[in-house]
Amino acid sequence: MPRPPFSKYGLFGQKRIITYLDEMFEASLAARETAPATLLVGPQGCGKTTIARGLAEHYKGRFKTVVAAKDVTPVILCGWLAGIEYGDTLFIDEVHALPGGTQELFYPVIDHLKRPVIKDGKLDRSERASIAPFNFLCATTEPGRLLAPFRSRMEIIFFDPNSRSELRAIAINAAAEAGRKLSPQGGGELADRCQESPRIVKRMAQQLVRLTPSTPELTQDHVRSFLRKKGISSHGLDPLQQQYLFALSRFPGHRSMFERLASHLPAADAAFVRQEAEPFLVAMGAVVIEARYRLLTPRGEEVVEQLKAEFGIEDEEDTDV
């Protein structure tokens, strides 16, 4: 009988990462020190925030989470740091969104537990105040956007892809938390169509429960009916991603400037297409991103034909340039 997926801090999987972080925090506690500044790197919804919160709770420290943004100025940052107490955990999500000047302020924080002081609402860089030792964790989906000196000061932890069995366990557990039983086959169907995302598979399981209130056990047939209503393909592609592939396939040479391609997807703006639609299409090998162009690969051509067969879509002529 197969062993159940590893689970801790409310996550299924990521055993290597959790074990390493546990050991790092344990060693720091034993030495009466705080853990090294750490950068968690992984795709959206993989559990970065959950692990950070779990570590803080496990080691009995206060947990303060901040979502980074362009308007987080050095003064705002110093305000956060002024309220830090010994053993706290400060977690900055989407840390790549911090302006460069704000990232630079972390250099003396990480190196010497020092920060500039605030006088009359402005930073006085000639004076520095001490900060109580604290655990500093950051999360990002785009590590390349961090300043190199900032990034190099942190321990970098890359998340592993979740296996199918782990994704299935997440789906079954999400249904159980809502008071329903999801069959292994049903959980496996969700795992196959969640774009390898723990967040997506959990959300789909929760929505499945809401939409089938009178069924004691949710089967694979229930899951397939639910996904059909949502327009999710057998590849796990949502309607926008399907439209993206169809539109790209109609351009001569299956290649288009991104702006031109995005104009054929009126349901979403260009930024949303880049952030939400493209990553999985690239990961599955269907699309290649060039500087300004998008290219449909042979794998992408196969997927388009499979989508046409799956949804009964007729062939259309290529788009005129």
C-alpha atoms as a PDB file:
ATOM      1  CA  MET A   1       0.000   0.000   0.000  1.00  0.00           C
ATOM      2  CA  PRO A   2       1.506   3.397  -0.970  1.00  0.00           C
ATOM      3  CA  ARG A   3       2.530   5.734   1.831  1.00  0.00           C
ATOM      4  CA  PRO A   4       0.329   8.800   2.311  1.00  0.00           C
ATOM      5  CA  PRO A   5       1.739  12.121   1.090  1.00  0.00           C
ATOM      6  CA  PHE A   6       3.881  14.011   3.588  1.00  0.00           C
ATOM      7  CA  SER A   7       1.879  16.714   5.376  1.00  0.00           C
ATOM      8  CA  LYS A   8       2.912  19.487   7.788  1.00  0.00           C
ATOM      9  CA  TYR A   9       1.917  23.091   8.481  1.00  0.00           C
ATOM     10  CA  GLY A  10      -1.263  22.422   6.512  1.00  0.00           C
ATOM     11  CA  LEU A  11       0.665  21.544   3.349  1.00  0.00           C
ATOM     12  CA  PHE A  12       0.890  18.312   1.419  1.00  0.00           C
ATOM     13  CA  GLY A  13       4.306  17.706  -0.060  1.00  0.00           C
ATOM     14  CA  GLN A  14       7.413  19.922   0.044  1.00  0.00           C
ATOM     15  CA  LYS A  15       9.013  17.492   2.515  1.00  0.00           C
ATOM     16  CA  ARG A  16      12.550  18.454   1.504  1.00  0.00           C
ATOM     17  CA  ILE A  17      11.893  22.154   2.017  1.00  0.00           C
ATOM     18  CA  ILE A  18       9.986  21.810   5.281  1.00  0.00           C
ATOM     19  CA  THR A  19      12.593  19.455   6.751  1.00  0.00           C
ATOM     20  CA  TYR A  20      15.413  21.836   5.839  1.00  0.00           C
ATOM     21  CA  LEU A  21      13.609  24.890   7.231  1.00  0.00           C
ATOM     22  CA  ASP A  22      12.740  23.018  10.424  1.00  0.00           C
ATOM     23  CA  GLU A  23      16.373  22.079  10.918  1.00  0.00           C
ATOM     24  CA  MET A  24      17.491  25.638  10.182  1.00  0.00           C
ATOM     25  CA  PHE A  25      15.079  27.112  12.733  1.00  0.00           C
ATOM     26  CA  GLU A  26      15.887  24.421  15.326  1.00  0.00           C
ATOM     27  CA  ALA A  27      19.627  25.069  14.995  1.00  0.00           C
ATOM     28  CA  SER A  28      19.069  28.806  15.353  1.00  0.00           C
ATOM     29  CA  LEU A  29      16.965  28.333  18.473  1.00  0.00           C
ATOM     30  CA  ALA A  30      19.548  26.016  20.014  1.00  0.00           C
ATOM     31  CA  ALA A  31      22.227  28.658  19.400  1.00  0.00           C
ATOM     32  CA  ARG A  32      19.925  31.396  20.788  1.00  0.00           C
ATOM     33  CA  GLU A  33      19.949  33.080  17.392  1.00  0.00           C
ATOM     34  CA  THR A  34      17.343  33.892  14.794  1.00  0.00           C
ATOM     35  CA  ALA A  35      17.188  32.044  11.497  1.00  0.00           C
ATOM     36  CA  PRO A  36      19.085  33.387   8.468  1.00  0.00           C
ATOM     37  CA  ALA A  37      17.179  35.740   6.174  1.00  0.00           C
ATOM     38  CA  THR A  38      15.398  33.432   3.747  1.00  0.00           C
ATOM     39  CA  LEU A  39      13.842  33.858   0.305  1.00  0.00           C
ATOM     40  CA  LEU A  40      11.126  31.363  -0.681  1.00  0.00           C
ATOM     41  CA  VAL A  41      10.850  31.003  -4.460  1.00  0.00           C
ATOM     42  CA  GLY A  42       7.969  29.261  -6.199  1.00  0.00           C
ATOM     43  CA  PRO A  43       4.877  29.771  -8.362  1.00  0.00           C
ATOM     44  CA  GLN A  44       1.671  31.337  -7.117  1.00  0.00           C
ATOM     45  CA  GLY A  45      -0.321  29.137  -4.771  1.00  0.00           C
ATOM     46  CA  CYS A  46       2.447  26.648  -3.941  1.00  0.00           C
ATOM     47  CA  GLY A  47       2.328  27.317  -0.183  1.00  0.00           C
ATOM     48  CA  LYS A  48       5.021  29.907   0.523  1.00  0.00           C
ATOM     49  CA  THR A  49       2.846  31.924   2.918  1.00  0.00           C
ATOM     50  CA  THR A  50       1.515  28.800   4.608  1.00  0.00           C
ATOM     51  CA  ILE A  51       5.027  27.536   5.365  1.00  0.00           C
ATOM     52  CA  ALA A  52       6.144  30.939   6.687  1.00  0.00           C
ATOM     53  CA  ARG A  53       3.128  31.183   8.990  1.00  0.00           C
ATOM     54  CA  GLY A  54       3.562  27.577  10.111  1.00  0.00           C
ATOM     55  CA  LEU A  55       7.207  28.150  11.067  1.00  0.00           C
ATOM     56  CA  ALA A  56       6.331  31.265  13.055  1.00  0.00           C
ATOM     57  CA  GLU A  57       3.520  29.489  14.924  1.00  0.00           C
ATOM     58  CA  HIS A  58       5.597  26.367  15.553  1.00  0.00           C
ATOM     59  CA  TYR A  59       8.430  28.381  17.068  1.00  0.00           C
ATOM     60  CA  LYS A  60       6.063  30.578  19.126  1.00  0.00           C
ATOM     61  CA  GLY A  61       6.927  33.918  17.549  1.00  0.00           C
ATOM     62  CA  ARG A  62       4.617  36.690  16.421  1.00  0.00           C
ATOM     63  CA  PHE A  63       3.906  36.580  12.699  1.00  0.00           C
ATOM     64  CA  LYS A  64       3.622  39.775  10.704  1.00  0.00           C
ATOM     65  CA  THR A  65       2.924  39.463   7.010  1.00  0.00           C
ATOM     66  CA  VAL A  66       3.201  42.308   4.535  1.00  0.00           C
ATOM     67  CA  VAL A  67       2.370  42.281   0.835  1.00  0.00           C
ATOM     68  CA  ALA A  68       4.992  44.303  -1.017  1.00  0.00           C
ATOM     69  CA  ALA A  69       4.004  47.046  -3.427  1.00  0.00           C
ATOM     70  CA  LYS A  70       5.526  49.944  -5.296  1.00  0.00           C
ATOM     71  CA  ASP A  71       4.207  52.421  -2.710  1.00  0.00           C
ATOM     72  CA  VAL A  72       6.110  50.768   0.155  1.00  0.00           C
ATOM     73  CA  THR A  73       8.660  53.504   0.766  1.00  0.00           C
ATOM     74  CA  PRO A  74      11.784  53.310   2.959  1.00  0.00           C
ATOM     75  CA  VAL A  75       9.901  55.313   5.627  1.00  0.00           C
ATOM     76  CA  ILE A  76       7.082  52.759   5.663  1.00  0.00           C
ATOM     77  CA  LEU A  77       9.632  49.947   5.864  1.00  0.00           C
ATOM     78  CA  CYS A  78      11.368  51.535   8.843  1.00  0.00           C
ATOM     79  CA  GLY A  79       7.983  51.863  10.519  1.00  0.00           C
ATOM     80  CA  TRP A  80       7.512  48.101  10.211  1.00  0.00           C
ATOM     81  CA  LEU A  81      10.948  47.418  11.601  1.00  0.00           C
ATOM     82  CA  ALA A  82      10.478  49.788  14.540  1.00  0.00           C
ATOM     83  CA  GLY A  83       7.723  47.543  15.887  1.00  0.00           C
ATOM     84  CA  ILE A  84       9.739  44.317  15.687  1.00  0.00           C
ATOM     85  CA  GLU A  85      10.245  42.387  18.922  1.00  0.00           C
ATOM     86  CA  TYR A  86      12.731  39.615  19.689  1.00  0.00           C
ATOM     87  CA  GLY A  87      11.835  36.332  17.955  1.00  0.00           C
ATOM     88  CA  ASP A  88       9.170  37.825  15.678  1.00  0.00           C
ATOM     89  CA  THR A  89       8.853  36.631  12.093  1.00  0.00           C
ATOM     90  CA  LEU A  90       8.469  39.288   9.417  1.00  0.00           C
ATOM     91  CA  PHE A  91       7.194  37.842   6.160  1.00  0.00           C
ATOM     92  CA  ILE A  92       7.171  39.952   2.994  1.00  0.00           C
ATOM     93  CA  ASP A  93       5.121  38.440   0.192  1.00  0.00           C
ATOM     94  CA  GLU A  94       5.756  39.368  -3.454  1.00  0.00           C
ATOM     95  CA  VAL A  95       8.994  40.996  -2.270  1.00  0.00           C
ATOM     96  CA  HIS A  96      10.084  41.613  -5.874  1.00  0.00           C
ATOM     97  CA  ALA A  97       7.461  44.402  -6.004  1.00  0.00           C
ATOM     98  CA  LEU A  98       9.411  46.555  -3.526  1.00  0.00           C
ATOM     99  CA  PRO A  99      11.098  49.597  -5.093  1.00  0.00           C
ATOM    100  CA  GLY A 100      14.879  49.402  -5.393  1.00  0.00           C
ATOM    101  CA  GLY A 101      15.423  52.036  -2.698  1.00  0.00           C
ATOM    102  CA  THR A 102      13.327  50.040  -0.237  1.00  0.00           C
ATOM    103  CA  GLN A 103      15.211  46.825  -1.037  1.00  0.00           C
ATOM    104  CA  GLU A 104      18.513  48.608  -0.389  1.00  0.00           C
ATOM    105  CA  LEU A 105      17.416  49.480   3.150  1.00  0.00           C
ATOM    106  CA  PHE A 106      17.478  45.782   3.999  1.00  0.00           C
ATOM    107  CA  TYR A 107      21.243  45.563   3.549  1.00  0.00           C
ATOM    108  CA  PRO A 108      22.132  46.923   7.044  1.00  0.00           C
ATOM    109  CA  VAL A 109      19.045  45.193   8.473  1.00  0.00           C
ATOM    110  CA  ILE A 110      20.286  41.769   7.384  1.00  0.00           C
ATOM    111  CA  ASP A 111      23.982  42.463   7.988  1.00  0.00           C
ATOM    112  CA  HIS A 112      23.893  44.344  11.288  1.00  0.00           C
ATOM    113  CA  LEU A 113      20.268  44.545  12.534  1.00  0.00           C
ATOM    114  CA  LYS A 114      20.373  48.292  11.990  1.00  0.00           C
ATOM    115  CA  ARG A 115      17.944  50.693  10.348  1.00  0.00           C
ATOM    116  CA  PRO A 116      17.869  54.424   9.655  1.00  0.00           C
ATOM    117  CA  VAL A 117      15.904  56.511  12.138  1.00  0.00           C
ATOM    118  CA  ILE A 118      12.833  58.553  11.216  1.00  0.00           C
ATOM    119  CA  LYS A 119      12.840  62.264  12.038  1.00  0.00           C
ATOM    120  CA  ASP A 120       9.938  64.533  11.134  1.00  0.00           C
ATOM    121  CA  GLY A 121       8.567  61.883   8.823  1.00  0.00           C
ATOM    122  CA  LYS A 122      11.824  61.510   6.909  1.00  0.00           C
ATOM    123  CA  LEU A 123      14.752  59.093   7.053  1.00  0.00           C
ATOM    124  CA  ASP A 124      17.936  60.263   8.705  1.00  0.00           C
ATOM    125  CA  ARG A 125      20.548  57.993   7.144  1.00  0.00           C
ATOM    126  CA  SER A 126      23.316  59.481   9.281  1.00  0.00           C
ATOM    127  CA  GLU A 127      21.805  57.821  12.339  1.00  0.00           C
ATOM    128  CA  ARG A 128      20.931  54.174  12.797  1.00  0.00           C
ATOM    129  CA  ALA A 129      18.829  52.405  15.370  1.00  0.00           C
ATOM    130  CA  SER A 130      19.150  48.796  16.494  1.00  0.00           C
ATOM    131  CA  ILE A 131      16.485  46.223  15.668  1.00  0.00           C
ATOM    132  CA  ALA A 132      15.600  43.319  17.917  1.00  0.00           C
ATOM    133  CA  PRO A 133      16.748  39.982  16.418  1.00  0.00           C
ATOM    134  CA  PHE A 134      13.929  38.592  14.289  1.00  0.00           C
ATOM    135  CA  ASN A 135      13.272  35.955  11.632  1.00  0.00           C
ATOM    136  CA  PHE A 136      13.069  37.454   8.157  1.00  0.00           C
ATOM    137  CA  LEU A 137      11.283  35.509   5.422  1.00  0.00           C
ATOM    138  CA  CYS A 138      10.405  36.715   1.933  1.00  0.00           C
ATOM    139  CA  ALA A 139       8.496  35.120  -0.918  1.00  0.00           C
ATOM    140  CA  THR A 140       8.643  35.744  -4.638  1.00  0.00           C
ATOM    141  CA  THR A 141       7.587  34.339  -7.966  1.00  0.00           C
ATOM    142  CA  GLU A 142      10.203  36.477  -9.747  1.00  0.00           C
ATOM    143  CA  PRO A 143      13.585  36.318  -7.996  1.00  0.00           C
ATOM    144  CA  GLY A 144      15.285  37.999 -10.945  1.00  0.00           C
ATOM    145  CA  ARG A 145      13.520  41.254 -10.109  1.00  0.00           C
ATOM    146  CA  LEU A 146      15.259  41.544  -6.748  1.00  0.00           C
ATOM    147  CA  LEU A 147      18.423  43.605  -6.565  1.00  0.00           C
ATOM    148  CA  ALA A 148      21.394  41.240  -6.691  1.00  0.00           C
ATOM    149  CA  PRO A 149      22.978  42.513  -3.412  1.00  0.00           C
ATOM    150  CA  PHE A 150      19.636  42.031  -1.626  1.00  0.00           C
ATOM    151  CA  ARG A 151      19.092  38.556  -3.076  1.00  0.00           C
ATOM    152  CA  SER A 152      22.652  37.465  -2.287  1.00  0.00           C
ATOM    153  CA  ARG A 153      22.160  38.231   1.415  1.00  0.00           C
ATOM    154  CA  MET A 154      19.419  35.611   1.741  1.00  0.00           C
ATOM    155  CA  GLU A 155      19.220  31.850   1.902  1.00  0.00           C
ATOM    156  CA  ILE A 156      17.279  30.920  -1.256  1.00  0.00           C
ATOM    157  CA  ILE A 157      14.797  28.049  -1.081  1.00  0.00           C
ATOM    158  CA  PHE A 158      13.260  26.805  -4.338  1.00  0.00           C
ATOM    159  CA  PHE A 159       9.958  24.942  -4.077  1.00  0.00           C
ATOM    160  CA  ASP A 160       9.552  21.530  -5.673  1.00  0.00           C
ATOM    161  CA  PRO A 161       6.664  20.683  -8.033  1.00  0.00           C
ATOM    162  CA  ASN A 162       3.856  18.841  -6.261  1.00  0.00           C
ATOM    163  CA  SER A 163       3.304  15.253  -7.379  1.00  0.00           C
ATOM    164  CA  ARG A 164      -0.050  14.018  -8.638  1.00  0.00           C
ATOM    165  CA  SER A 165      -0.611  12.074  -5.398  1.00  0.00           C
ATOM    166  CA  GLU A 166       0.034  15.227  -3.352  1.00  0.00           C
ATOM    167  CA  LEU A 167      -2.364  17.281  -5.461  1.00  0.00           C
ATOM    168  CA  ARG A 168      -4.987  14.549  -5.151  1.00  0.00           C
ATOM    169  CA  ALA A 169      -4.519  14.533  -1.368  1.00  0.00           C
ATOM    170  CA  ILE A 170      -5.002  18.308  -1.285  1.00  0.00           C
ATOM    171  CA  ALA A 171      -8.277  17.985  -3.203  1.00  0.00           C
ATOM    172  CA  ILE A 172      -9.571  15.161  -0.999  1.00  0.00           C
ATOM    173  CA  ASN A 173      -8.589  17.040   2.149  1.00  0.00           C
ATOM    174  CA  ALA A 174     -10.275  20.256   0.959  1.00  0.00           C
ATOM    175  CA  ALA A 175     -13.499  18.359   0.344  1.00  0.00           C
ATOM    176  CA  ALA A 176     -13.240  16.663   3.759  1.00  0.00           C
ATOM    177  CA  GLU A 177     -12.796  20.039   5.467  1.00  0.00           C
ATOM    178  CA  ALA A 178     -16.098  21.032   3.868  1.00  0.00           C
ATOM    179  CA  GLY A 179     -17.717  17.872   5.265  1.00  0.00           C
ATOM    180  CA  ARG A 180     -17.791  15.840   2.061  1.00  0.00           C
ATOM    181  CA  LYS A 181     -16.063  12.755   0.734  1.00  0.00           C
ATOM    182  CA  LEU A 182     -14.235  12.974  -2.581  1.00  0.00           C
ATOM    183  CA  SER A 183     -13.345   9.651  -4.185  1.00  0.00           C
ATOM    184  CA  PRO A 184      -9.701   8.925  -5.054  1.00  0.00           C
ATOM    185  CA  GLN A 185     -10.658   8.860  -8.735  1.00  0.00           C
ATOM    186  CA  GLY A 186     -12.391  12.221  -8.406  1.00  0.00           C
ATOM    187  CA  GLY A 187      -9.416  13.670  -6.574  1.00  0.00           C
ATOM    188  CA  GLY A 188      -7.135  12.328  -9.282  1.00  0.00           C
ATOM    189  CA  GLU A 189      -9.228  13.977 -11.984  1.00  0.00           C
ATOM    190  CA  LEU A 190      -8.875  17.340 -10.250  1.00  0.00           C
ATOM    191  CA  ALA A 191      -5.144  16.733  -9.792  1.00  0.00           C
ATOM    192  CA  ASP A 192      -4.771  16.109 -13.527  1.00  0.00           C
ATOM    193  CA  ARG A 193      -6.542  19.346 -14.436  1.00  0.00           C
ATOM    194  CA  CYS A 194      -5.277  21.881 -11.871  1.00  0.00           C
ATOM    195  CA  GLN A 195      -2.216  23.079 -13.817  1.00  0.00           C
ATOM    196  CA  GLU A 196      -0.033  21.529 -11.081  1.00  0.00           C
ATOM    197  CA  SER A 197      -1.181  24.233  -8.639  1.00  0.00           C
ATOM    198  CA  PRO A 198      -2.079  23.385  -5.014  1.00  0.00           C
ATOM    199  CA  ARG A 199      -4.119  26.586  -4.775  1.00  0.00           C
ATOM    200  CA  ILE A 200      -6.141  25.796  -7.893  1.00  0.00           C
ATOM    201  CA  VAL A 201      -6.865  22.178  -6.952  1.00  0.00           C
ATOM    202  CA  LYS A 202      -8.017  23.238  -3.487  1.00  0.00           C
ATOM    203  CA  ARG A 203     -10.248  25.970  -4.891  1.00  0.00           C
ATOM    204  CA  MET A 204     -11.765  23.581  -7.446  1.00  0.00           C
ATOM    205  CA  ALA A 205     -12.530  20.989  -4.745  1.00  0.00           C
ATOM    206  CA  GLN A 206     -14.218  23.625  -2.593  1.00  0.00           C
ATOM    207  CA  GLN A 207     -16.306  24.876  -5.495  1.00  0.00           C
ATOM    208  CA  LEU A 208     -17.237  21.318  -6.449  1.00  0.00           C
ATOM    209  CA  VAL A 209     -18.622  20.804  -2.949  1.00  0.00           C
ATOM    210  CA  ARG A 210     -20.674  24.014  -3.135  1.00  0.00           C
ATOM    211  CA  LEU A 211     -22.213  23.082  -6.479  1.00  0.00           C
ATOM    212  CA  THR A 212     -23.191  19.506  -5.532  1.00  0.00           C
ATOM    213  CA  PRO A 213     -24.789  19.941  -2.089  1.00  0.00           C
ATOM    214  CA  SER A 214     -26.980  16.818  -2.054  1.00  0.00           C
ATOM    215  CA  THR A 215     -24.349  14.234  -2.979  1.00  0.00           C
ATOM    216  CA  PRO A 216     -22.789  12.270  -0.069  1.00  0.00           C
ATOM    217  CA  GLU A 217     -19.757  11.160  -2.090  1.00  0.00           C
ATOM    218  CA  LEU A 218     -18.265  13.103  -4.962  1.00  0.00           C
ATOM    219  CA  THR A 219     -17.166  10.783  -7.745  1.00  0.00           C
ATOM    220  CA  GLN A 220     -15.094  11.158 -10.889  1.00  0.00           C
ATOM    221  CA  ASP A 221     -18.314  11.685 -12.865  1.00  0.00           C
ATOM    222  CA  HIS A 222     -19.256  14.592 -10.591  1.00  0.00           C
ATOM    223  CA  VAL A 223     -15.823  16.094 -11.117  1.00  0.00           C
ATOM    224  CA  ARG A 224     -15.977  15.733 -14.887  1.00  0.00           C
ATOM    225  CA  SER A 225     -19.430  17.307 -15.025  1.00  0.00           C
ATOM    226  CA  PHE A 226     -18.231  20.198 -12.864  1.00  0.00           C
ATOM    227  CA  LEU A 227     -15.141  20.808 -15.003  1.00  0.00           C
ATOM    228  CA  ARG A 228     -17.193  20.622 -18.185  1.00  0.00           C
ATOM    229  CA  LYS A 229     -19.422  23.412 -16.861  1.00  0.00           C
ATOM    230  CA  LYS A 230     -16.342  25.477 -16.045  1.00  0.00           C
ATOM    231  CA  GLY A 231     -14.985  24.895 -19.530  1.00  0.00           C
ATOM    232  CA  ILE A 232     -11.779  23.278 -18.252  1.00  0.00           C
ATOM    233  CA  SER A 233     -10.158  21.068 -20.886  1.00  0.00           C
ATOM    234  CA  SER A 234      -8.644  17.643 -20.349  1.00  0.00           C
ATOM    235  CA  HIS A 235      -5.265  19.426 -20.284  1.00  0.00           C
ATOM    236  CA  GLY A 236      -6.478  21.664 -17.437  1.00  0.00           C
ATOM    237  CA  LEU A 237      -6.663  24.751 -19.669  1.00  0.00           C
ATOM    238  CA  ASP A 238      -9.274  27.365 -18.808  1.00  0.00           C
ATOM    239  CA  PRO A 239     -11.315  29.122 -21.522  1.00  0.00           C
ATOM    240  CA  LEU A 240      -8.924  32.089 -21.774  1.00  0.00           C
ATOM    241  CA  GLN A 241      -5.920  29.797 -22.317  1.00  0.00           C
ATOM    242  CA  GLN A 242      -7.859  27.880 -24.946  1.00  0.00           C
ATOM    243  CA  GLN A 243      -8.773  31.135 -26.716  1.00  0.00           C
ATOM    244  CA  TYR A 244      -5.110  32.151 -26.562  1.00  0.00           C
ATOM    245  CA  LEU A 245      -3.989  28.959 -28.327  1.00  0.00           C
ATOM    246  CA  PHE A 246      -6.745  29.150 -30.937  1.00  0.00           C
ATOM    247  CA  ALA A 247      -5.928  32.797 -31.690  1.00  0.00           C
ATOM    248  CA  LEU A 248      -2.192  32.125 -31.960  1.00  0.00           C
ATOM    249  CA  SER A 249      -2.783  29.105 -34.199  1.00  0.00           C
ATOM    250  CA  ARG A 250      -4.601  31.323 -36.726  1.00  0.00           C
ATOM    251  CA  PHE A 251      -1.662  33.676 -37.275  1.00  0.00           C
ATOM    252  CA  PRO A 252       0.640  32.927 -40.243  1.00  0.00           C
ATOM    253  CA  GLY A 253       3.470  30.731 -39.085  1.00  0.00           C
ATOM    254  CA  HIS A 254       1.694  30.404 -35.732  1.00  0.00           C
ATOM    255  CA  ARG A 255       3.662  33.457 -34.580  1.00  0.00           C
ATOM    256  CA  SER A 256       2.418  36.852 -33.459  1.00  0.00           C
ATOM    257  CA  MET A 257       3.491  40.019 -31.665  1.00  0.00           C
ATOM    258  CA  PHE A 258       2.117  39.837 -28.143  1.00  0.00           C
ATOM    259  CA  GLU A 259       0.134  43.082 -28.426  1.00  0.00           C
ATOM    260  CA  ARG A 260      -1.587  41.841 -31.587  1.00  0.00           C
ATOM    261  CA  LEU A 261      -2.343  38.478 -30.029  1.00  0.00           C
ATOM    262  CA  ALA A 262      -3.714  40.075 -26.830  1.00  0.00           C
ATOM    263  CA  SER A 263      -6.082  42.212 -28.905  1.00  0.00           C
ATOM    264  CA  HIS A 264      -7.769  38.963 -29.993  1.00  0.00           C
ATOM    265  CA  LEU A 265      -8.526  38.116 -26.342  1.00  0.00           C
ATOM    266  CA  PRO A 266     -11.085  40.785 -25.386  1.00  0.00           C
ATOM    267  CA  ALA A 267     -12.080  39.020 -22.166  1.00  0.00           C
ATOM    268  CA  ALA A 268      -8.796  39.944 -20.435  1.00  0.00           C
ATOM    269  CA  ASP A 269      -6.236  42.749 -20.421  1.00  0.00           C
ATOM    270  CA  ALA A 270      -2.664  42.199 -21.590  1.00  0.00           C
ATOM    271  CA  ALA A 271      -1.189  42.172 -18.069  1.00  0.00           C
ATOM    272  CA  PHE A 272      -3.630  39.458 -16.978  1.00  0.00           C
ATOM    273  CA  VAL A 273      -2.800  37.381 -20.051  1.00  0.00           C
ATOM    274  CA  ARG A 274       0.928  37.592 -19.232  1.00  0.00           C
ATOM    275  CA  GLN A 275       0.515  36.824 -15.544  1.00  0.00           C
ATOM    276  CA  GLU A 276      -2.263  34.235 -15.551  1.00  0.00           C
ATOM    277  CA  ALA A 277      -2.686  32.653 -18.980  1.00  0.00           C
ATOM    278  CA  GLU A 278       0.827  32.314 -20.335  1.00  0.00           C
ATOM    279  CA  PRO A 279       2.885  30.684 -17.533  1.00  0.00           C
ATOM    280  CA  PHE A 280       1.237  27.266 -17.740  1.00  0.00           C
ATOM    281  CA  LEU A 281       1.115  27.339 -21.546  1.00  0.00           C
ATOM    282  CA  VAL A 282       4.875  27.867 -21.511  1.00  0.00           C
ATOM    283  CA  ALA A 283       5.384  25.227 -18.799  1.00  0.00           C
ATOM    284  CA  MET A 284       3.480  22.607 -20.802  1.00  0.00           C
ATOM    285  CA  GLY A 285       5.586  23.398 -23.874  1.00  0.00           C
ATOM    286  CA  ALA A 286       2.750  24.787 -25.974  1.00  0.00           C
ATOM    287  CA  VAL A 287       4.089  28.330 -26.352  1.00  0.00           C
ATOM    288  CA  VAL A 288       7.502  29.961 -26.620  1.00  0.00           C
ATOM    289  CA  ILE A 289       7.863  33.558 -25.435  1.00  0.00           C
ATOM    290  CA  GLU A 290      10.215  35.700 -27.477  1.00  0.00           C
ATOM    291  CA  ALA A 291      11.072  39.352 -26.819  1.00  0.00           C
ATOM    292  CA  ARG A 292       7.899  40.729 -28.405  1.00  0.00           C
ATOM    293  CA  TYR A 293       6.521  37.656 -30.130  1.00  0.00           C
ATOM    294  CA  ARG A 294       4.717  34.482 -29.158  1.00  0.00           C
ATOM    295  CA  LEU A 295       5.255  31.225 -31.040  1.00  0.00           C
ATOM    296  CA  LEU A 296       3.029  28.156 -31.028  1.00  0.00           C
ATOM    297  CA  THR A 297       5.218  25.055 -30.761  1.00  0.00           C
ATOM    298  CA  PRO A 298       4.562  21.642 -32.321  1.00  0.00           C
ATOM    299  CA  ARG A 299       3.287  20.579 -28.904  1.00  0.00           C
ATOM    300  CA  GLY A 300       0.964  23.579 -28.944  1.00  0.00           C
ATOM    301  CA  GLU A 301      -0.313  22.571 -32.380  1.00  0.00           C
ATOM    302  CA  GLU A 302      -1.135  19.108 -30.995  1.00  0.00           C
ATOM    303  CA  VAL A 303      -3.008  20.638 -28.088  1.00  0.00           C
ATOM    304  CA  VAL A 304      -5.030  22.871 -30.423  1.00  0.00           C
ATOM    305  CA  GLU A 305      -6.130  19.862 -32.471  1.00  0.00           C
ATOM    306  CA  GLN A 306      -7.017  17.960 -29.305  1.00  0.00           C
ATOM    307  CA  LEU A 307      -9.051  20.924 -28.027  1.00  0.00           C
ATOM    308  CA  LYS A 308     -10.930  21.120 -31.316  1.00  0.00           C
ATOM    309  CA  ALA A 309     -11.825  17.447 -31.076  1.00  0.00           C
ATOM    310  CA  GLU A 310     -12.731  17.706 -27.392  1.00  0.00           C
ATOM    311  CA  PHE A 311     -15.057  20.702 -27.802  1.00  0.00           C
ATOM    312  CA  GLY A 312     -16.258  20.073 -31.377  1.00  0.00           C
ATOM    313  CA  ILE A 313     -14.695  23.245 -32.799  1.00  0.00           C
ATOM    314  CA  GLU A 314     -14.512  23.729 -36.558  1.00  0.00           C
ATOM    315  CA  ASP A 315     -11.271  24.825 -38.256  1.00  0.00           C
ATOM    316  CA  GLU A 316     -10.935  28.541 -39.047  1.00  0.00           C
ATOM    317  CA  GLU A 317      -8.799  30.339 -41.559  1.00  0.00           C
ATOM    318  CA  ASP A 318      -5.542  31.998 -40.528  1.00  0.00           C
ATOM    319  CA  THR A 319      -5.725  35.581 -39.240  1.00  0.00           C
ATOM    320  CA  ASP A 320      -4.654  38.231 -41.747  1.00  0.00           C
ATOM    321  CA  VAL A 321      -1.536  40.209 -40.799  1.00  0.00           C
END
